[in-house]
């Protein structure tokens, strides 16, 4: 039995939209016009009238954190605490009372951004959080995930004072008396997070199941997810097992490409020795690249720069690894035939990673490695040309411009800002550019990222476009969220487009991006989402 869809506006990769397609089993068997589609009708086939609705390939978020997002949905949501520290304090107090958290147990939250405060744009300190409670340890994580703040009770309970050494790749701030302020950045966050609750496979399954339903409601059918290092003492086998069990139960309704994060060579070697590497798995869950975290974020001023921050003289940010450590991890993965994706926000860490790639690729050249750079935010022209030469993939998050457009020039200076977030330039150089949200850093709505890619402005459009020469067309922006996401996981011949023979993953939308004012693209909503021809979401 075939499903024949007609009278639609079907995006197949360019603005020349089709009107019809046919699904047989879990794949597209025909894409074209109504007349030819209906001529293929046989007894028992079903004809579905799309009523002129826009149909896109299922969106693929090419870098996010499914389990981390699931966890964020279970703790105190601080995304809307945008006005001041007072709003954070009030949200935490309401959460504490609602959950009736016993004394001595952790209160945790995530999502605040001090740059949005109306007054002083300072990170919350232990003194601020002491207003919530002096008998509960409290930890709240900034929206970027690269710094957190704790209260005095947490410091005392964990025995953290100014006498402790600063960890490599991280920092905890000290006050004028040499005592911790409660702010911990990047690798120093482990000093706090290692003491949180240990999560089980059952927890992971619950979080994944909740998240994939939310993703389906946004038209998302694919995600490249970094899940192995969300919590301390995680066993990646539990993560893999959680996904595979959900797949067997029919509850995994997003195709997941696991960006497998390791920080120690011996752990990576152990993973590879078990037969795991890029491509191992099924159409619903498989192992993707080795994922490495190179530096921090712009918002936390921990992105690693070659020059000082323009608004914080003397500070260049934090590199998580030494050059030698990066060299070793990237070499191990590349020689084992594993794809690699490295988080690089600052141009300083990008220099280090490009050097490691050059070294590893020289040892095993002439391979379709599709390794790349996650975020690719602060870049120089010479670095973009090196990415082109090495055929590196760019995992962009254009949704970041909703916030970063306000701060990037003041943070890093006009010169570096003028060549950064250069996603259109990378495309013109021949690099593949996929898109995503880094959720829970951003909410995982693809239409927000598509709008920012097209306008290069925050969604409010209250400032001029940032580097407007880097604007994508609507066509390019949709492809970055569909076909390019498939290419990033070596799946361009299996999914990511509405083409004959490919998996029938698609979404029906309530607006046509080619007919919508650019400022309203983020308002387009998903009406129905299909995975392998079966409906997994409908309004």
Protein backbone atom coordinates (compact mmCIF):
# COMPACT_ATOMS: atom_id res chain seq x y z
CA UNK A 1 0.00 0.00 0.00
CA UNK A 2 1.27 3.43 -0.99
CA UNK A 3 0.60 6.81 0.59
CA UNK A 4 0.18 9.39 -2.17
CA UNK A 5 0.59 13.01 -1.02
CA UNK A 6 -0.66 15.69 -3.41
CA UNK A 7 -1.44 19.42 -3.58
CA UNK A 8 1.52 20.43 -1.43
CA UNK A 9 4.50 22.79 -1.59
CA UNK A 10 7.31 20.33 -1.20
CA UNK A 11 10.90 21.44 -0.62
CA UNK A 12 13.36 19.14 -2.36
CA UNK A 13 16.50 21.21 -1.99
CA UNK A 14 15.77 24.43 -3.86
CA UNK A 15 13.01 27.03 -4.23
CA UNK A 16 11.44 25.16 -7.17
CA UNK A 17 8.90 23.37 -5.01
CA UNK A 18 7.17 20.13 -6.03
CA UNK A 19 3.54 19.33 -5.35
CA UNK A 20 3.49 15.59 -4.70
CA UNK A 21 5.36 12.58 -3.40
CA UNK A 22 4.67 8.94 -2.66
CA UNK A 23 5.72 6.91 0.37
CA UNK A 24 6.09 3.12 0.14
CA UNK A 25 7.12 1.38 3.32
CA UNK A 26 9.48 3.76 5.09
CA UNK A 27 10.87 5.50 1.98
CA UNK A 28 9.96 7.95 -0.75
CA UNK A 29 9.25 6.14 -4.02
CA UNK A 30 8.27 9.14 -6.13
CA UNK A 31 8.65 12.93 -5.98
CA UNK A 32 7.08 15.20 -8.56
CA UNK A 33 3.68 16.48 -9.67
CA UNK A 34 0.11 15.60 -8.73
CA UNK A 35 -0.79 14.18 -12.13
CA UNK A 36 2.02 11.63 -12.25
CA UNK A 37 1.60 10.74 -8.59
CA UNK A 38 -2.10 9.98 -9.06
CA UNK A 39 -1.38 7.93 -12.18
CA UNK A 40 0.54 5.55 -9.92
CA UNK A 41 -2.47 4.95 -7.68
CA UNK A 42 -3.57 1.32 -7.24
CA UNK A 43 -6.31 -0.35 -5.25
CA UNK A 44 -5.76 0.11 -1.55
CA UNK A 45 -3.49 3.16 -1.89
CA UNK A 46 -4.27 6.22 0.22
CA UNK A 47 -4.35 9.74 -1.21
CA UNK A 48 -3.58 12.58 1.23
CA UNK A 49 -4.38 16.17 0.28
CA UNK A 50 -1.69 18.48 1.70
CA UNK A 51 -3.94 21.50 1.15
CA UNK A 52 -1.10 23.64 -0.22
CA UNK A 53 0.91 23.23 3.01
CA UNK A 54 4.69 23.50 2.99
CA UNK A 55 6.53 20.20 3.43
CA UNK A 56 10.18 20.07 4.48
CA UNK A 57 12.50 17.11 5.00
CA UNK A 58 12.58 16.32 8.71
CA UNK A 59 14.90 18.76 10.43
CA UNK A 60 18.25 17.46 11.71
CA UNK A 61 19.85 19.28 14.62
CA UNK A 62 23.53 18.57 14.02
CA UNK A 63 24.73 19.36 17.52
CA UNK A 64 22.72 19.13 20.72
CA UNK A 65 22.60 17.30 24.05
CA UNK A 66 19.47 15.15 24.36
CA UNK A 67 20.08 13.76 27.85
CA UNK A 68 21.33 17.10 29.14
CA UNK A 69 18.17 18.73 27.79
CA UNK A 70 16.10 16.04 29.46
CA UNK A 71 17.86 16.81 32.74
CA UNK A 72 17.34 20.56 32.26
CA UNK A 73 13.62 19.91 31.97
CA UNK A 74 13.65 18.33 35.43
CA UNK A 75 15.53 21.05 37.36
CA UNK A 76 14.74 24.74 37.94
CA UNK A 77 14.27 26.52 34.62
CA UNK A 78 16.02 29.91 34.76
CA UNK A 79 15.66 30.85 31.08
CA UNK A 80 12.98 33.41 31.85
CA UNK A 81 14.85 34.89 34.84
CA UNK A 82 16.25 37.56 32.58
CA UNK A 83 15.87 40.82 34.46
CA UNK A 84 18.14 40.49 37.50
CA UNK A 85 19.62 38.29 40.17
CA UNK A 86 16.40 38.89 42.11
CA UNK A 87 14.44 36.99 39.45
CA UNK A 88 16.85 34.05 39.76
CA UNK A 89 16.45 34.06 43.53
CA UNK A 90 12.65 34.16 43.26
CA UNK A 91 12.58 31.33 40.70
CA UNK A 92 14.79 29.13 42.89
CA UNK A 93 12.72 29.81 46.01
CA UNK A 94 9.52 28.92 44.16
CA UNK A 95 11.13 25.73 42.83
CA UNK A 96 12.36 24.78 46.33
CA UNK A 97 8.90 25.23 47.79
CA UNK A 98 7.11 23.49 44.92
CA UNK A 99 9.37 20.43 45.09
CA UNK A 100 9.54 20.51 48.91
CA UNK A 101 13.27 19.75 48.78
CA UNK A 102 14.57 18.47 52.15
CA UNK A 103 17.38 20.30 53.94
CA UNK A 104 20.81 19.14 52.83
CA UNK A 105 19.69 18.09 49.31
CA UNK A 106 20.83 19.94 46.20
CA UNK A 107 18.78 22.63 44.50
CA UNK A 108 19.91 22.90 40.88
CA UNK A 109 18.90 25.09 37.97
CA UNK A 110 19.99 26.15 34.52
CA UNK A 111 19.44 28.79 31.89
CA UNK A 112 20.28 32.24 33.30
CA UNK A 113 22.25 34.79 31.28
CA UNK A 114 23.67 37.74 33.19
CA UNK A 115 24.20 39.73 30.00
CA UNK A 116 20.41 40.11 29.80
CA UNK A 117 20.15 41.73 33.23
CA UNK A 118 18.80 45.28 33.20
CA UNK A 119 21.27 46.42 35.87
CA UNK A 120 24.75 45.15 36.68
CA UNK A 121 25.63 42.28 34.36
CA UNK A 122 27.49 40.24 36.93
CA UNK A 123 27.38 36.50 37.47
CA UNK A 124 25.47 35.46 40.61
CA UNK A 125 27.73 34.79 43.60
CA UNK A 126 27.41 32.63 46.70
CA UNK A 127 26.00 35.62 48.57
CA UNK A 128 23.16 35.96 46.03
CA UNK A 129 22.28 32.28 46.30
CA UNK A 130 22.50 32.34 50.09
CA UNK A 131 19.29 34.38 49.92
CA UNK A 132 17.54 31.26 48.61
CA UNK A 133 18.82 28.94 51.32
CA UNK A 134 21.66 28.46 53.77
CA UNK A 135 20.69 24.85 54.54
CA UNK A 136 20.51 23.52 50.97
CA UNK A 137 23.54 23.30 48.64
CA UNK A 138 22.62 25.23 45.48
CA UNK A 139 24.17 25.13 42.01
CA UNK A 140 22.91 27.01 38.96
CA UNK A 141 24.42 26.72 35.50
CA UNK A 142 24.62 29.56 32.99
CA UNK A 143 22.73 29.11 29.71
CA UNK A 144 25.96 28.31 27.83
CA UNK A 145 26.83 25.43 30.19
CA UNK A 146 30.36 26.74 30.69
CA UNK A 147 30.09 28.27 34.14
CA UNK A 148 28.02 27.80 37.28
CA UNK A 149 27.41 29.50 40.59
CA UNK A 150 27.00 27.88 44.02
CA UNK A 151 26.04 29.12 47.47
CA UNK A 152 28.11 29.10 50.67
CA UNK A 153 26.51 25.88 51.90
CA UNK A 154 27.77 24.04 48.79
CA UNK A 155 31.32 25.34 49.30
CA UNK A 156 31.33 24.37 52.96
CA UNK A 157 29.79 20.96 52.33
CA UNK A 158 32.42 20.18 49.66
CA UNK A 159 35.36 21.67 51.56
CA UNK A 160 36.22 24.14 48.83
CA UNK A 161 38.19 27.20 49.88
CA UNK A 162 40.85 29.45 48.44
CA UNK A 163 43.67 27.06 49.31
CA UNK A 164 42.76 24.62 46.53
CA UNK A 165 44.77 24.79 43.27
CA UNK A 166 43.10 26.01 40.11
CA UNK A 167 42.42 23.09 37.71
CA UNK A 168 43.88 23.07 34.20
CA UNK A 169 41.24 24.19 31.71
CA UNK A 170 39.09 25.75 34.41
CA UNK A 171 38.90 28.44 37.05
CA UNK A 172 37.01 29.30 40.21
CA UNK A 173 36.80 33.00 41.06
CA UNK A 174 38.18 34.39 44.33
CA UNK A 175 37.14 37.51 46.22
CA UNK A 176 39.46 40.16 47.65
CA UNK A 177 40.08 37.94 50.67
CA UNK A 178 41.07 34.94 48.57
CA UNK A 179 37.85 33.02 49.26
CA UNK A 180 35.74 31.52 46.42
CA UNK A 181 32.95 33.78 45.17
CA UNK A 182 30.93 30.74 44.17
CA UNK A 183 31.59 31.12 40.40
CA UNK A 184 33.19 28.09 38.70
CA UNK A 185 34.18 28.01 35.02
CA UNK A 186 34.62 25.07 32.64
CA UNK A 187 36.90 22.33 34.08
CA UNK A 188 36.46 23.79 37.56
CA UNK A 189 32.76 22.95 37.34
CA UNK A 190 33.74 19.32 37.93
CA UNK A 191 34.64 20.27 41.50
CA UNK A 192 30.90 20.77 42.05
CA UNK A 193 29.17 18.46 39.59
CA UNK A 194 30.98 15.32 40.70
CA UNK A 195 28.91 15.49 43.89
CA UNK A 196 25.51 15.52 42.22
CA UNK A 197 23.12 12.58 42.19
CA UNK A 198 24.24 9.52 40.19
CA UNK A 199 21.84 8.84 37.32
CA UNK A 200 20.82 5.41 36.06
CA UNK A 201 19.91 3.97 32.70
CA UNK A 202 16.25 4.28 33.67
CA UNK A 203 16.82 8.02 34.20
CA UNK A 204 18.42 8.30 30.78
CA UNK A 205 15.51 6.50 29.11
CA UNK A 206 13.00 8.78 30.81
CA UNK A 207 14.90 11.89 29.74
CA UNK A 208 15.41 10.72 26.15
CA UNK A 209 11.77 9.75 25.71
CA UNK A 210 10.59 13.13 26.96
CA UNK A 211 12.98 15.04 24.72
CA UNK A 212 12.31 13.19 21.46
CA UNK A 213 8.62 14.02 21.80
CA UNK A 214 9.51 17.69 22.13
CA UNK A 215 11.80 17.45 19.10
CA UNK A 216 9.12 15.76 16.98
CA UNK A 217 6.77 18.64 17.82
CA UNK A 218 9.31 20.97 16.17
CA UNK A 219 9.58 18.90 12.98
CA UNK A 220 12.87 17.32 14.07
CA UNK A 221 13.53 13.75 12.98
CA UNK A 222 17.30 13.64 13.44
CA UNK A 223 19.78 14.78 16.08
CA UNK A 224 23.53 14.59 16.52
CA UNK A 225 23.69 14.32 20.29
CA UNK A 226 26.58 14.56 22.76
CA UNK A 227 25.49 12.38 25.72
CA UNK A 228 28.43 10.49 27.22
CA UNK A 229 29.70 13.22 29.59
CA UNK A 230 26.55 14.87 30.90
CA UNK A 231 27.05 13.66 34.47
CA UNK A 232 30.01 12.51 36.50
CA UNK A 233 30.54 8.73 36.73
CA UNK A 234 28.40 8.03 33.65
CA UNK A 235 28.87 4.73 31.85
CA UNK A 236 28.55 5.23 28.11
CA UNK A 237 27.30 1.66 27.84
CA UNK A 238 24.25 2.72 29.85
CA UNK A 239 23.62 5.55 27.38
CA UNK A 240 23.96 3.25 24.37
CA UNK A 241 21.74 0.65 26.02
CA UNK A 242 19.11 3.28 26.88
CA UNK A 243 18.85 4.34 23.25
CA UNK A 244 18.80 0.78 21.94
CA UNK A 245 16.10 -0.27 24.40
CA UNK A 246 13.93 2.69 23.43
CA UNK A 247 14.46 1.78 19.77
CA UNK A 248 13.35 -1.80 20.45
CA UNK A 249 10.30 -0.49 22.32
CA UNK A 250 9.32 1.77 19.41
CA UNK A 251 9.83 4.89 21.53
CA UNK A 252 12.86 6.37 19.78
CA UNK A 253 11.23 8.69 17.22
CA UNK A 254 14.33 10.73 16.38
CA UNK A 255 17.31 9.29 14.50
CA UNK A 256 20.29 9.85 16.80
CA UNK A 257 23.91 10.14 15.73
CA UNK A 258 25.94 9.93 18.94
CA UNK A 259 28.75 12.48 19.19
CA UNK A 260 30.87 10.35 21.50
CA UNK A 261 32.80 12.49 23.97
CA UNK A 262 35.96 11.21 25.65
CA UNK A 263 38.63 13.16 27.49
CA UNK A 264 41.22 10.45 28.21
CA UNK A 265 43.11 8.47 25.55
CA UNK A 266 42.72 5.20 27.49
CA UNK A 267 38.92 5.59 27.55
CA UNK A 268 38.81 6.29 23.82
CA UNK A 269 41.01 3.28 23.10
CA UNK A 270 38.78 1.09 25.26
CA UNK A 271 35.71 2.30 23.35
CA UNK A 272 37.35 1.54 19.99
CA UNK A 273 38.55 -1.87 21.20
CA UNK A 274 34.91 -2.89 21.70
CA UNK A 275 34.22 -2.34 18.01
CA UNK A 276 32.55 1.03 18.41
CA UNK A 277 33.35 3.67 15.82
CA UNK A 278 31.63 6.05 13.42
CA UNK A 279 28.72 4.37 11.64
CA UNK A 280 28.20 1.44 14.00
CA UNK A 281 24.51 1.02 14.74
CA UNK A 282 21.17 1.34 12.98
CA UNK A 283 19.11 3.95 11.15
CA UNK A 284 17.69 5.04 14.52
CA UNK A 285 20.80 5.05 16.71
CA UNK A 286 24.42 4.89 15.70
CA UNK A 287 27.85 6.03 16.79
CA UNK A 288 29.00 9.27 15.21
CA UNK A 289 32.27 11.16 15.67
CA UNK A 290 34.62 11.47 18.60
CA UNK A 291 33.50 14.70 20.27
CA UNK A 292 36.03 16.89 22.05
CA UNK A 293 35.44 20.07 24.05
CA UNK A 294 38.14 22.53 23.09
CA UNK A 295 37.29 25.64 25.08
CA UNK A 296 34.46 27.49 26.79
CA UNK A 297 31.98 30.14 25.63
CA UNK A 298 31.89 33.83 24.76
CA UNK A 299 29.21 34.57 27.32
CA UNK A 300 31.34 33.15 30.15
CA UNK A 301 34.51 34.68 28.63
CA UNK A 302 36.08 31.22 28.60
CA UNK A 303 36.32 30.87 24.81
CA UNK A 304 40.08 30.70 24.18
CA UNK A 305 41.38 33.65 22.12
CA UNK A 306 44.75 34.49 20.62
CA UNK A 307 44.41 38.06 21.93
CA UNK A 308 42.89 39.47 25.09
CA UNK A 309 39.17 40.01 25.47
CA UNK A 310 38.35 43.57 24.44
CA UNK A 311 36.15 44.04 27.51
CA UNK A 312 38.40 42.14 29.95
CA UNK A 313 42.07 43.05 29.45
CA UNK A 314 44.51 40.37 30.55
CA UNK A 315 42.05 37.52 29.95
CA UNK A 316 42.23 35.18 26.94
CA UNK A 317 39.87 32.42 28.08
CA UNK A 318 40.52 28.74 28.73
CA UNK A 319 41.80 25.89 26.59
CA UNK A 320 40.51 22.57 27.94
CA UNK A 321 43.39 20.47 26.53
CA UNK A 322 47.08 21.05 25.93
CA UNK A 323 48.30 20.83 22.35
CA UNK A 324 49.87 17.45 23.09
CA UNK A 325 46.62 16.08 24.52
CA UNK A 326 44.64 17.25 21.49
CA UNK A 327 47.22 15.75 19.15
CA UNK A 328 47.01 12.38 20.85
CA UNK A 329 43.22 12.11 20.99
CA UNK A 330 42.70 13.26 17.41
CA UNK A 331 45.44 10.95 16.13
CA UNK A 332 43.97 7.91 17.91
CA UNK A 333 40.53 8.54 16.48
CA UNK A 334 41.62 9.40 12.95
CA UNK A 335 43.95 6.40 12.58
CA UNK A 336 41.12 4.16 13.84
CA UNK A 337 38.82 5.44 11.09
CA UNK A 338 36.68 7.50 13.41
CA UNK A 339 35.25 10.87 12.46
CA UNK A 340 36.04 13.78 14.82
CA UNK A 341 34.11 16.90 15.85
CA UNK A 342 35.73 19.46 18.15
CA UNK A 343 34.01 22.30 20.01
CA UNK A 344 35.88 25.48 19.03
CA UNK A 345 34.50 28.92 19.86
CA UNK A 346 37.65 31.02 20.24
CA UNK A 347 40.19 31.52 17.47
CA UNK A 348 42.97 30.48 19.85
CA UNK A 349 41.66 26.97 20.34
CA UNK A 350 40.83 26.74 16.64
CA UNK A 351 44.54 27.24 15.89
CA UNK A 352 45.32 24.33 18.20
CA UNK A 353 42.71 22.04 16.68
CA UNK A 354 43.65 22.87 13.08
CA UNK A 355 47.25 22.00 13.96
CA UNK A 356 46.14 18.65 15.40
CA UNK A 357 44.05 17.91 12.32
CA UNK A 358 46.92 18.74 9.97
CA UNK A 359 49.18 16.41 11.90
CA UNK A 360 46.68 13.51 12.00
CA UNK A 361 45.57 13.85 8.37
CA UNK A 362 49.21 13.68 7.23
CA UNK A 363 49.44 10.27 8.89
CA UNK A 364 46.37 8.93 7.05
CA UNK A 365 45.55 11.18 4.08
CA UNK A 366 43.10 10.80 1.21
CA UNK A 367 40.13 9.67 3.29
CA UNK A 368 36.58 11.03 3.37
CA UNK A 369 36.89 11.81 7.07
CA UNK A 370 34.17 14.49 7.34
CA UNK A 371 35.73 15.63 10.58
CA UNK A 372 34.94 19.15 11.60
CA UNK A 373 34.53 22.05 13.96
CA UNK A 374 31.54 22.48 16.25
CA UNK A 375 30.36 26.12 16.65
CA UNK A 376 33.05 27.74 14.43
CA UNK A 377 32.29 31.12 15.96
CA UNK A 378 35.37 33.33 16.30
CA UNK A 379 37.46 32.84 13.18
CA UNK A 380 40.10 34.57 11.10
CA UNK A 381 40.30 34.43 7.31
CA UNK A 382 43.45 32.29 7.38
CA UNK A 383 41.63 29.73 9.53
CA UNK A 384 38.68 29.57 7.15
CA UNK A 385 41.05 28.81 4.29
CA UNK A 386 42.68 26.03 6.32
CA UNK A 387 39.25 24.55 6.97
CA UNK A 388 38.63 24.61 3.23
CA UNK A 389 41.97 22.96 2.47
CA UNK A 390 41.33 20.15 4.95
CA UNK A 391 37.67 19.70 3.88
CA UNK A 392 36.46 20.23 7.43
CA UNK A 393 32.76 20.23 8.23
CA UNK A 394 31.25 23.25 10.00
CA UNK A 395 28.65 22.50 12.66
CA UNK A 396 27.05 25.95 12.94
CA UNK A 397 24.53 27.24 15.48
CA UNK A 398 23.03 30.26 13.73
CA UNK A 399 20.50 30.58 16.58
CA UNK A 400 23.39 31.83 18.73
CA UNK A 401 23.12 35.13 16.84
CA UNK A 402 19.91 35.85 18.73
CA UNK A 403 22.16 36.69 21.69
CA UNK A 404 25.72 36.90 20.41
CA UNK A 405 24.95 39.61 17.85
CA UNK A 406 24.59 42.01 20.77
CA UNK A 407 27.94 41.25 22.39
CA UNK A 408 30.48 39.75 19.99
CA UNK A 409 32.15 42.99 18.87
CA UNK A 410 32.37 44.43 22.38
CA UNK A 411 33.77 41.12 23.68
CA UNK A 412 36.46 40.39 21.12
CA UNK A 413 36.98 43.61 19.18
CA UNK A 414 35.95 44.81 15.75
CA UNK A 415 38.74 43.09 13.81
CA UNK A 416 38.01 39.52 14.94
CA UNK A 417 34.25 40.11 14.97
CA UNK A 418 34.37 41.15 11.29
CA UNK A 419 35.52 37.68 10.17
CA UNK A 420 33.52 35.58 12.63
CA UNK A 421 30.34 33.48 12.40
CA UNK A 422 31.39 33.23 8.75
CA UNK A 423 28.97 30.50 7.71
CA UNK A 424 28.19 31.82 4.22
CA UNK A 425 31.90 32.35 3.52
CA UNK A 426 32.56 28.74 4.53
CA UNK A 427 29.89 27.58 2.08
CA UNK A 428 31.36 29.66 -0.75
CA UNK A 429 34.76 28.11 0.04
CA UNK A 430 33.21 24.68 -0.49
CA UNK A 431 32.83 23.56 3.13
CA UNK A 432 29.67 21.77 4.22
CA UNK A 433 27.77 23.74 6.86
CA UNK A 434 25.10 22.03 8.96
CA UNK A 435 23.00 23.70 11.64
CA UNK A 436 21.83 23.06 15.17
CA UNK A 437 21.07 24.65 18.51
CA UNK A 438 23.45 23.13 21.07
CA UNK A 439 20.25 22.58 23.06
CA UNK A 440 19.81 23.14 26.00
CA UNK A 441 22.00 26.18 25.31
CA UNK A 442 19.22 27.29 22.94
CA UNK A 443 15.70 25.94 22.66
CA UNK A 444 15.72 23.40 19.80
CA UNK A 445 13.36 25.19 17.40
CA UNK A 446 14.91 24.99 13.90
CA UNK A 447 12.90 27.94 12.62
CA UNK A 448 14.67 30.26 15.07
CA UNK A 449 18.02 29.20 13.65
CA UNK A 450 16.74 29.48 10.09
CA UNK A 451 15.58 33.05 10.71
CA UNK A 452 18.90 34.06 12.30
CA UNK A 453 20.78 32.46 9.40
CA UNK A 454 18.77 34.51 6.91
CA UNK A 455 18.66 37.85 8.77
CA UNK A 456 21.90 37.76 10.82
CA UNK A 457 19.94 39.59 13.52
CA UNK A 458 18.41 38.73 16.88
CA UNK A 459 14.79 37.64 16.61
CA UNK A 460 13.72 41.05 17.96
CA UNK A 461 15.52 42.69 15.01
CA UNK A 462 16.35 45.65 17.25
CA UNK A 463 19.93 46.05 15.99
CA UNK A 464 21.38 46.05 12.45
CA UNK A 465 22.45 42.75 10.86
CA UNK A 466 25.78 41.41 12.10
CA UNK A 467 28.10 40.87 9.12
CA UNK A 468 25.17 40.86 6.63
CA UNK A 469 27.49 39.53 3.92
CA UNK A 470 27.23 36.22 5.79
CA UNK A 471 23.44 35.93 5.38
CA UNK A 472 22.15 32.61 4.04
CA UNK A 473 19.28 32.40 1.60
CA UNK A 474 16.12 30.68 2.84
CA UNK A 475 17.05 27.74 0.64
CA UNK A 476 20.55 27.48 2.11
CA UNK A 477 19.22 27.82 5.66
CA UNK A 478 16.71 24.98 5.27
CA UNK A 479 19.35 22.78 3.65
CA UNK A 480 21.69 23.47 6.57
CA UNK A 481 19.03 21.96 8.83
CA UNK A 482 18.25 18.98 6.61
CA UNK A 483 20.54 17.73 3.84
CA UNK A 484 23.72 19.07 5.44
CA UNK A 485 22.89 17.40 8.74
CA UNK A 486 22.57 14.12 6.87
CA UNK A 487 25.88 14.72 5.08
CA UNK A 488 27.59 15.27 8.44
CA UNK A 489 26.72 11.68 9.44
CA UNK A 490 27.52 10.13 6.02
CA UNK A 491 23.77 9.74 5.42
CA UNK A 492 23.11 11.92 2.38
CA UNK A 493 22.08 8.83 0.40
CA UNK A 494 19.77 7.63 3.16
CA UNK A 495 17.97 10.67 4.61
CA UNK A 496 17.86 14.45 4.81
CA UNK A 497 16.05 15.16 1.54
CA UNK A 498 12.71 14.41 -0.06
CA UNK A 499 14.05 12.24 -2.86
CA UNK A 500 13.21 8.85 -4.27
CA UNK A 501 14.80 6.03 -2.28
CA UNK A 502 15.49 8.05 0.87
CA UNK A 503 13.85 7.55 4.26
CA UNK A 504 10.45 9.26 4.41
CA UNK A 505 11.24 11.68 7.23
CA UNK A 506 9.32 14.92 6.71
CA UNK A 507 7.30 17.64 8.41
CA UNK A 508 4.20 19.57 7.35
CA UNK A 509 4.37 23.24 8.38
CA UNK A 510 1.74 25.94 8.81
CA UNK A 511 3.69 28.47 6.75
CA UNK A 512 5.86 28.60 3.65
CA UNK A 513 9.31 30.05 4.45
CA UNK A 514 9.65 31.30 0.86
CA UNK A 515 6.45 33.34 1.24
CA UNK A 516 6.96 34.50 4.84
CA UNK A 517 8.54 37.78 5.91
CA UNK A 518 11.99 36.98 7.21
CA UNK A 519 11.21 38.55 10.59
CA UNK A 520 8.38 36.04 11.03
CA UNK A 521 10.18 32.83 10.03
CA UNK A 522 10.55 31.77 13.67
CA UNK A 523 6.76 31.85 14.04
CA UNK A 524 6.20 29.03 11.53
CA UNK A 525 5.03 25.94 13.39
CA UNK A 526 4.96 22.22 12.74
CA UNK A 527 1.56 20.64 12.08
CA UNK A 528 2.69 17.04 11.54
CA UNK A 529 5.96 15.13 11.69
CA UNK A 530 6.64 11.78 10.00
CA UNK A 531 9.49 9.36 10.65
CA UNK A 532 9.92 6.64 8.06
CA UNK A 533 6.47 7.47 6.68
CA UNK A 534 4.74 7.08 10.05
CA UNK A 535 3.29 10.01 11.91
CA UNK A 536 5.07 10.74 15.20
CA UNK A 537 3.53 14.13 15.94
CA UNK A 538 0.43 16.06 14.97
CA UNK A 539 -1.29 19.12 16.36
